């Protein structure tokens, strides 16, 4: 694994590198280099190999830099950082942080990965992204209260992500209840909040954020084939002078800044400080929707969220509330 990561870093510029040079730099044989090049397919990377020229990635990579990320954090955020990890490959950044214990109040841990072999989304769904193509970031924080007090946390996280993207010049992102980020009606990313708490007392929460940064035709075909929302990526905005793709390290730093600010604000006042911004970005507001839950399939008009973060849907002339735990929601045709 370490050799594969070292190989990727040498190929990240997208230029040709001879097998002989790579073997010398990595301290292995040319046959070992060729084997590792083939293994890069497991990370979703496409490599061109040409005799007498060497190997190159078909698409250059913008790799995460842990030291630069820490330097890019706002001073107030950096003071609260306990531990930051950046992995080449990990099963799940959320699972990694859920294994942590005794995180002091007011401090945070962060875990990022270039590739997740078992990344997951809400309700056990998989989260796919080729190596270096997205942002897989998890944020650990200890809240004083647990249970119902944290039920709407995912909505506040959505606003924090929105603020981070807007701060980097990315406009037009919408929020789809309860945990999706959309761009032009397609899925840009998602949020997964997982908590570990006792019956009473503080709750340790891991917030996972996944964003598509560069386009991936392979992922698009897979998602569409499974009937999900077609994916979008920040890379589609490179042609716009007002919304170029932010460097992934800078994007991660801005996200962590906003997540820390969100956690402090949410602990003080709950969803209230975020509700107006969430509603302004509501992708389903006043649109026909289909609610799928224990009661079967129901059709209505989405009418925004209430003070507790539950979705309001007008069905047959009356408002009903929908909780995040027992339904999935899809925009009706």
Protein backbone atom coordinates (compact mmCIF):
# COMPACT_ATOMS: atom_id res chain seq x y z
CA UNK A 1 0.00 0.00 0.00
CA UNK A 2 2.77 2.45 0.88
CA UNK A 3 4.55 1.75 -2.41
CA UNK A 4 1.33 2.24 -4.33
CA UNK A 5 0.82 5.61 -2.63
CA UNK A 6 4.41 6.62 -3.39
CA UNK A 7 3.88 5.65 -7.02
CA UNK A 8 0.73 7.75 -7.27
CA UNK A 9 2.58 10.78 -5.94
CA UNK A 10 5.20 10.47 -8.65
CA UNK A 11 2.54 10.07 -11.34
CA UNK A 12 0.21 12.77 -9.99
CA UNK A 13 1.47 15.43 -12.43
CA UNK A 14 0.04 13.51 -15.40
CA UNK A 15 3.42 13.43 -17.21
CA UNK A 16 5.18 10.29 -18.46
CA UNK A 17 7.66 8.68 -16.05
CA UNK A 18 9.87 5.86 -17.26
CA UNK A 19 9.69 2.51 -15.53
CA UNK A 20 13.44 2.66 -14.93
CA UNK A 21 13.23 6.05 -13.19
CA UNK A 22 10.25 4.99 -11.08
CA UNK A 23 11.99 1.77 -10.05
CA UNK A 24 15.10 3.68 -8.98
CA UNK A 25 13.12 6.29 -7.03
CA UNK A 26 10.96 3.70 -5.28
CA UNK A 27 13.79 1.25 -4.65
CA UNK A 28 12.05 -1.66 -6.42
CA UNK A 29 12.36 -3.58 -9.68
CA UNK A 30 10.74 -2.49 -12.92
CA UNK A 31 8.54 -5.58 -12.69
CA UNK A 32 7.33 -4.40 -9.27
CA UNK A 33 6.55 -0.99 -10.76
CA UNK A 34 4.49 -2.61 -13.51
CA UNK A 35 2.61 -4.65 -10.92
CA UNK A 36 1.80 -1.56 -8.86
CA UNK A 37 0.70 0.31 -11.98
CA UNK A 38 -1.84 -2.44 -12.67
CA UNK A 39 -2.95 -2.30 -9.04
CA UNK A 40 -3.87 1.38 -9.42
CA UNK A 41 -7.03 0.26 -11.21
CA UNK A 42 -8.40 -0.82 -7.81
CA UNK A 43 -8.33 2.86 -6.84
CA UNK A 44 -10.26 3.85 -9.95
CA UNK A 45 -7.19 5.38 -11.61
CA UNK A 46 -6.51 5.03 -15.32
CA UNK A 47 -2.88 4.75 -16.38
CA UNK A 48 -1.43 4.90 -19.88
CA UNK A 49 1.70 2.81 -20.41
CA UNK A 50 3.74 3.39 -23.58
CA UNK A 51 6.94 1.51 -24.51
CA UNK A 52 10.10 3.69 -24.22
CA UNK A 53 8.05 6.50 -22.69
CA UNK A 54 6.80 5.01 -19.43
CA UNK A 55 3.60 5.46 -17.46
CA UNK A 56 1.30 8.39 -16.87
CA UNK A 57 -2.08 9.04 -15.27
CA UNK A 58 -4.70 9.98 -17.84
CA UNK A 59 -5.90 12.68 -15.44
CA UNK A 60 -3.50 14.56 -13.12
CA UNK A 61 -4.30 14.47 -9.41
CA UNK A 62 -4.65 17.23 -6.85
CA UNK A 63 -3.49 15.35 -3.75
CA UNK A 64 -4.23 16.32 -0.17
CA UNK A 65 -1.39 17.77 1.88
CA UNK A 66 -1.79 17.37 5.66
CA UNK A 67 0.77 20.02 6.64
CA UNK A 68 -0.62 22.56 4.17
CA UNK A 69 -4.14 21.79 5.38
CA UNK A 70 -3.24 22.60 9.00
CA UNK A 71 -1.52 25.80 7.88
CA UNK A 72 -4.64 26.81 5.90
CA UNK A 73 -6.97 26.51 8.90
CA UNK A 74 -8.16 29.68 10.58
CA UNK A 75 -6.16 30.26 13.79
CA UNK A 76 -9.25 29.72 15.95
CA UNK A 77 -9.87 26.37 14.23
CA UNK A 78 -6.24 25.29 14.53
CA UNK A 79 -6.33 25.89 18.28
CA UNK A 80 -9.17 23.38 18.64
CA UNK A 81 -7.57 20.66 16.51
CA UNK A 82 -6.49 17.58 18.48
CA UNK A 83 -5.54 15.24 15.64
CA UNK A 84 -5.66 15.31 11.84
CA UNK A 85 -5.04 12.25 9.66
CA UNK A 86 -4.79 11.97 5.88
CA UNK A 87 -4.78 8.42 4.49
CA UNK A 88 -4.12 7.12 1.01
CA UNK A 89 -6.67 4.35 1.58
CA UNK A 90 -8.96 3.53 4.47
CA UNK A 91 -12.16 1.55 4.80
CA UNK A 92 -14.16 4.51 6.09
CA UNK A 93 -13.12 7.84 7.58
CA UNK A 94 -16.25 7.81 9.74
CA UNK A 95 -15.44 4.36 11.12
CA UNK A 96 -11.91 5.49 11.89
CA UNK A 97 -13.10 8.38 14.05
CA UNK A 98 -15.91 6.36 15.67
CA UNK A 99 -13.18 4.15 17.12
CA UNK A 100 -11.72 7.14 19.00
CA UNK A 101 -12.44 7.70 22.68
CA UNK A 102 -12.34 10.54 25.19
CA UNK A 103 -12.31 13.51 22.85
CA UNK A 104 -12.26 16.60 25.10
CA UNK A 105 -15.13 19.06 24.75
CA UNK A 106 -14.26 21.95 22.45
CA UNK A 107 -11.61 19.97 20.54
CA UNK A 108 -11.97 18.07 17.28
CA UNK A 109 -10.39 15.28 15.30
CA UNK A 110 -10.41 15.12 11.50
CA UNK A 111 -9.80 12.22 9.17
CA UNK A 112 -9.51 12.42 5.38
CA UNK A 113 -8.74 9.82 2.74
CA UNK A 114 -7.86 9.84 -0.92
CA UNK A 115 -9.79 6.58 -1.31
CA UNK A 116 -12.34 4.73 0.83
CA UNK A 117 -12.72 1.01 0.22
CA UNK A 118 -15.95 0.83 2.26
CA UNK A 119 -17.26 4.37 2.31
CA UNK A 120 -20.92 4.62 3.21
CA UNK A 121 -23.80 7.04 3.14
CA UNK A 122 -27.14 7.26 4.85
CA UNK A 123 -29.04 4.00 5.60
CA UNK A 124 -26.03 1.85 4.73
CA UNK A 125 -25.72 2.95 1.11
CA UNK A 126 -22.24 2.91 -0.40
CA UNK A 127 -20.30 6.07 -1.24
CA UNK A 128 -18.03 5.70 -4.27
CA UNK A 129 -15.19 7.94 -5.39
CA UNK A 130 -12.00 7.10 -7.32
CA UNK A 131 -8.67 7.94 -5.68
CA UNK A 132 -8.30 11.70 -5.36
CA UNK A 133 -11.55 12.40 -7.21
CA UNK A 134 -13.61 13.56 -4.27
CA UNK A 135 -13.32 14.85 -0.76
CA UNK A 136 -13.89 12.22 1.94
CA UNK A 137 -13.76 14.06 5.26
CA UNK A 138 -14.89 13.11 8.76
CA UNK A 139 -15.06 15.43 11.75
CA UNK A 140 -15.31 14.28 15.36
CA UNK A 141 -16.84 16.48 18.09
CA UNK A 142 -18.24 15.94 21.59
CA UNK A 143 -21.58 17.64 22.30
CA UNK A 144 -22.85 18.25 25.81
CA UNK A 145 -26.30 16.84 25.00
CA UNK A 146 -27.43 13.79 23.07
CA UNK A 147 -30.66 12.28 21.72
CA UNK A 148 -33.35 14.58 20.37
CA UNK A 149 -31.14 17.64 20.81
CA UNK A 150 -28.98 16.40 17.93
CA UNK A 151 -31.77 15.23 15.61
CA UNK A 152 -31.43 18.23 13.29
CA UNK A 153 -27.62 18.36 13.32
CA UNK A 154 -27.35 17.12 9.73
CA UNK A 155 -29.28 20.14 8.49
CA UNK A 156 -26.89 22.50 10.26
CA UNK A 157 -23.99 20.59 8.70
CA UNK A 158 -25.55 21.16 5.28
CA UNK A 159 -25.50 24.90 5.90
CA UNK A 160 -21.87 24.70 7.06
CA UNK A 161 -20.89 22.94 3.80
CA UNK A 162 -22.87 25.51 1.82
CA UNK A 163 -21.04 28.35 3.60
CA UNK A 164 -17.68 26.75 2.87
CA UNK A 165 -18.44 26.35 -0.84
CA UNK A 166 -19.82 29.88 -1.15
CA UNK A 167 -16.69 31.20 0.56
CA UNK A 168 -14.66 29.59 -2.21
CA UNK A 169 -16.83 31.04 -4.98
CA UNK A 170 -19.03 28.01 -5.65
CA UNK A 171 -22.62 29.17 -6.09
CA UNK A 172 -25.82 27.35 -6.97
CA UNK A 173 -25.53 24.44 -4.55
CA UNK A 174 -28.87 23.36 -3.08
CA UNK A 175 -29.78 21.24 -0.06
CA UNK A 176 -32.11 18.26 -0.40
CA UNK A 177 -33.65 17.07 2.85
CA UNK A 178 -32.27 15.45 4.86
CA UNK A 179 -28.62 15.07 3.82
CA UNK A 180 -27.92 15.61 0.11
CA UNK A 181 -26.12 18.44 -1.67
CA UNK A 182 -27.27 19.09 -5.22
CA UNK A 183 -25.85 21.04 -8.14
CA UNK A 184 -28.12 21.59 -11.13
CA UNK A 185 -30.46 18.93 -9.76
CA UNK A 186 -27.74 16.29 -9.55
CA UNK A 187 -25.96 14.93 -6.49
CA UNK A 188 -22.81 16.81 -5.57
CA UNK A 189 -22.33 15.20 -2.18
CA UNK A 190 -23.83 13.88 1.00
CA UNK A 191 -23.65 14.06 4.78
CA UNK A 192 -23.64 11.25 7.34
CA UNK A 193 -23.83 11.95 11.09
CA UNK A 194 -23.16 9.07 13.47
CA UNK A 195 -23.13 9.32 17.24
CA UNK A 196 -21.97 7.33 20.22
CA UNK A 197 -23.71 8.31 23.43
CA UNK A 198 -24.81 7.02 26.81
CA UNK A 199 -28.43 7.28 27.95
CA UNK A 200 -27.58 10.67 29.41
CA UNK A 201 -24.58 12.92 29.23
CA UNK A 202 -22.34 14.02 26.37
CA UNK A 203 -22.51 12.58 22.87
CA UNK A 204 -19.54 11.92 20.63
CA UNK A 205 -20.57 12.64 17.04
CA UNK A 206 -18.74 11.89 13.81
CA UNK A 207 -19.83 14.01 10.86
CA UNK A 208 -18.92 12.64 7.45
CA UNK A 209 -18.96 14.86 4.36
CA UNK A 210 -18.45 13.46 0.87
CA UNK A 211 -18.11 15.76 -2.15
CA UNK A 212 -17.47 15.01 -5.81
CA UNK A 213 -14.60 17.25 -6.89
CA UNK A 214 -13.61 16.05 -10.35
CA UNK A 215 -15.92 14.32 -12.84
CA UNK A 216 -15.86 10.53 -13.03
CA UNK A 217 -17.70 8.97 -16.01
CA UNK A 218 -17.36 5.52 -14.40
CA UNK A 219 -19.10 6.62 -11.22
CA UNK A 220 -21.79 8.41 -13.24
CA UNK A 221 -22.61 5.28 -15.21
CA UNK A 222 -22.72 3.16 -12.05
CA UNK A 223 -24.97 5.53 -10.12
CA UNK A 224 -27.38 6.03 -13.01
CA UNK A 225 -27.55 2.26 -13.58
CA UNK A 226 -28.58 1.79 -9.93
CA UNK A 227 -31.36 4.35 -10.28
CA UNK A 228 -29.86 7.06 -8.08
CA UNK A 229 -29.50 10.76 -8.72
CA UNK A 230 -27.04 11.50 -11.51
CA UNK A 231 -23.81 12.83 -9.98
CA UNK A 232 -22.44 16.35 -10.29
CA UNK A 233 -18.94 17.58 -9.47
CA UNK A 234 -17.21 20.83 -8.63
CA UNK A 235 -15.01 20.20 -11.67
CA UNK A 236 -17.91 21.11 -13.92
CA UNK A 237 -17.57 24.72 -12.76
CA UNK A 238 -14.01 25.22 -14.00
CA UNK A 239 -15.22 27.14 -17.03
CA UNK A 240 -16.84 29.78 -14.83
CA UNK A 241 -14.55 32.59 -13.71
CA UNK A 242 -16.62 33.08 -10.54
CA UNK A 243 -16.61 29.44 -9.47
CA UNK A 244 -13.41 27.58 -10.30
CA UNK A 245 -12.69 24.29 -8.58
CA UNK A 246 -11.01 24.98 -5.24
CA UNK A 247 -7.88 23.01 -4.43
CA UNK A 248 -8.89 20.00 -2.38
CA UNK A 249 -6.61 20.92 0.54
CA UNK A 250 -8.00 24.45 0.64
CA UNK A 251 -11.55 23.09 0.36
CA UNK A 252 -10.91 20.71 3.28
CA UNK A 253 -9.53 23.54 5.43
CA UNK A 254 -12.52 25.79 4.70
CA UNK A 255 -14.90 22.91 5.52
CA UNK A 256 -13.21 22.30 8.86
CA UNK A 257 -13.37 26.02 9.68
CA UNK A 258 -17.11 26.03 9.03
CA UNK A 259 -17.74 22.73 10.85
CA UNK A 260 -16.07 24.02 14.01
CA UNK A 261 -18.07 27.26 13.84
CA UNK A 262 -21.25 25.25 13.21
CA UNK A 263 -20.63 22.88 16.13
CA UNK A 264 -20.15 25.77 18.56
CA UNK A 265 -23.22 27.61 17.25
CA UNK A 266 -25.40 24.49 17.19
CA UNK A 267 -24.45 23.61 20.75
CA UNK A 268 -25.45 27.13 21.83
CA UNK A 269 -28.72 27.53 19.93
CA UNK A 270 -29.62 24.37 18.00
CA UNK A 271 -31.03 24.57 14.49
CA UNK A 272 -32.48 28.09 14.81
CA UNK A 273 -29.39 30.03 13.52
CA UNK A 274 -29.26 27.82 10.41
CA UNK A 275 -32.92 27.48 9.51
CA UNK A 276 -33.25 30.56 7.29
CA UNK A 277 -30.17 29.65 5.22
CA UNK A 278 -31.28 26.04 4.92
CA UNK A 279 -34.73 27.08 3.74
CA UNK A 280 -33.25 29.49 1.18
CA UNK A 281 -31.30 26.59 -0.34
CA UNK A 282 -34.12 24.01 -0.06
CA UNK A 283 -34.11 22.05 -3.33
CA UNK A 284 -37.59 20.64 -2.77
CA UNK A 285 -39.47 23.72 -1.58
CA UNK A 286 -43.01 23.78 -3.02
CA UNK A 287 -42.25 20.90 -5.37
CA UNK A 288 -44.22 17.66 -5.76
CA UNK A 289 -42.53 14.82 -3.88
CA UNK A 290 -43.01 11.15 -3.23
CA UNK A 291 -42.57 9.97 0.34
CA UNK A 292 -41.60 6.32 0.77
CA UNK A 293 -41.99 4.98 4.29
CA UNK A 294 -43.69 2.45 6.52
CA UNK A 295 -47.09 3.74 5.41
CA UNK A 296 -46.23 2.99 1.79
CA UNK A 297 -45.96 5.52 -1.03
CA UNK A 298 -47.52 8.92 -0.54
CA UNK A 299 -47.56 11.94 -2.83
CA UNK A 300 -47.65 15.58 -1.81
CA UNK A 301 -46.00 19.00 -1.96
CA UNK A 302 -42.87 19.73 0.09
CA UNK A 303 -43.41 22.76 2.36
CA UNK A 304 -40.01 23.18 3.98
CA UNK A 305 -38.83 22.25 7.45
CA UNK A 306 -40.25 23.02 10.87
CA UNK A 307 -38.36 24.33 13.89
CA UNK A 308 -37.14 20.84 14.80
CA UNK A 309 -35.88 20.07 11.29
CA UNK A 310 -38.65 17.71 10.26
CA UNK A 311 -39.89 17.97 6.70
CA UNK A 312 -43.40 19.30 6.17
CA UNK A 313 -45.35 17.76 3.30
CA UNK A 314 -48.82 18.82 2.20
CA UNK A 315 -50.81 15.67 1.47
CA UNK A 316 -54.48 15.88 0.53
CA UNK A 317 -54.73 19.42 1.84
CA UNK A 318 -53.15 18.88 5.26
CA UNK A 319 -49.58 19.20 6.52
CA UNK A 320 -47.82 16.11 7.80
CA UNK A 321 -44.29 15.95 9.18
CA UNK A 322 -41.70 13.47 7.99
CA UNK A 323 -38.74 12.41 10.10
CA UNK A 324 -35.33 11.54 8.70
CA UNK A 325 -35.20 8.08 10.23
CA UNK A 326 -38.02 6.25 8.48
CA UNK A 327 -38.39 7.59 4.95
CA UNK A 328 -36.54 8.32 1.77
CA UNK A 329 -37.60 11.21 -0.37
CA UNK A 330 -37.55 11.67 -4.11
CA UNK A 331 -38.72 14.54 -6.24
CA UNK A 332 -41.79 13.38 -8.11
CA UNK A 333 -41.85 13.70 -11.93
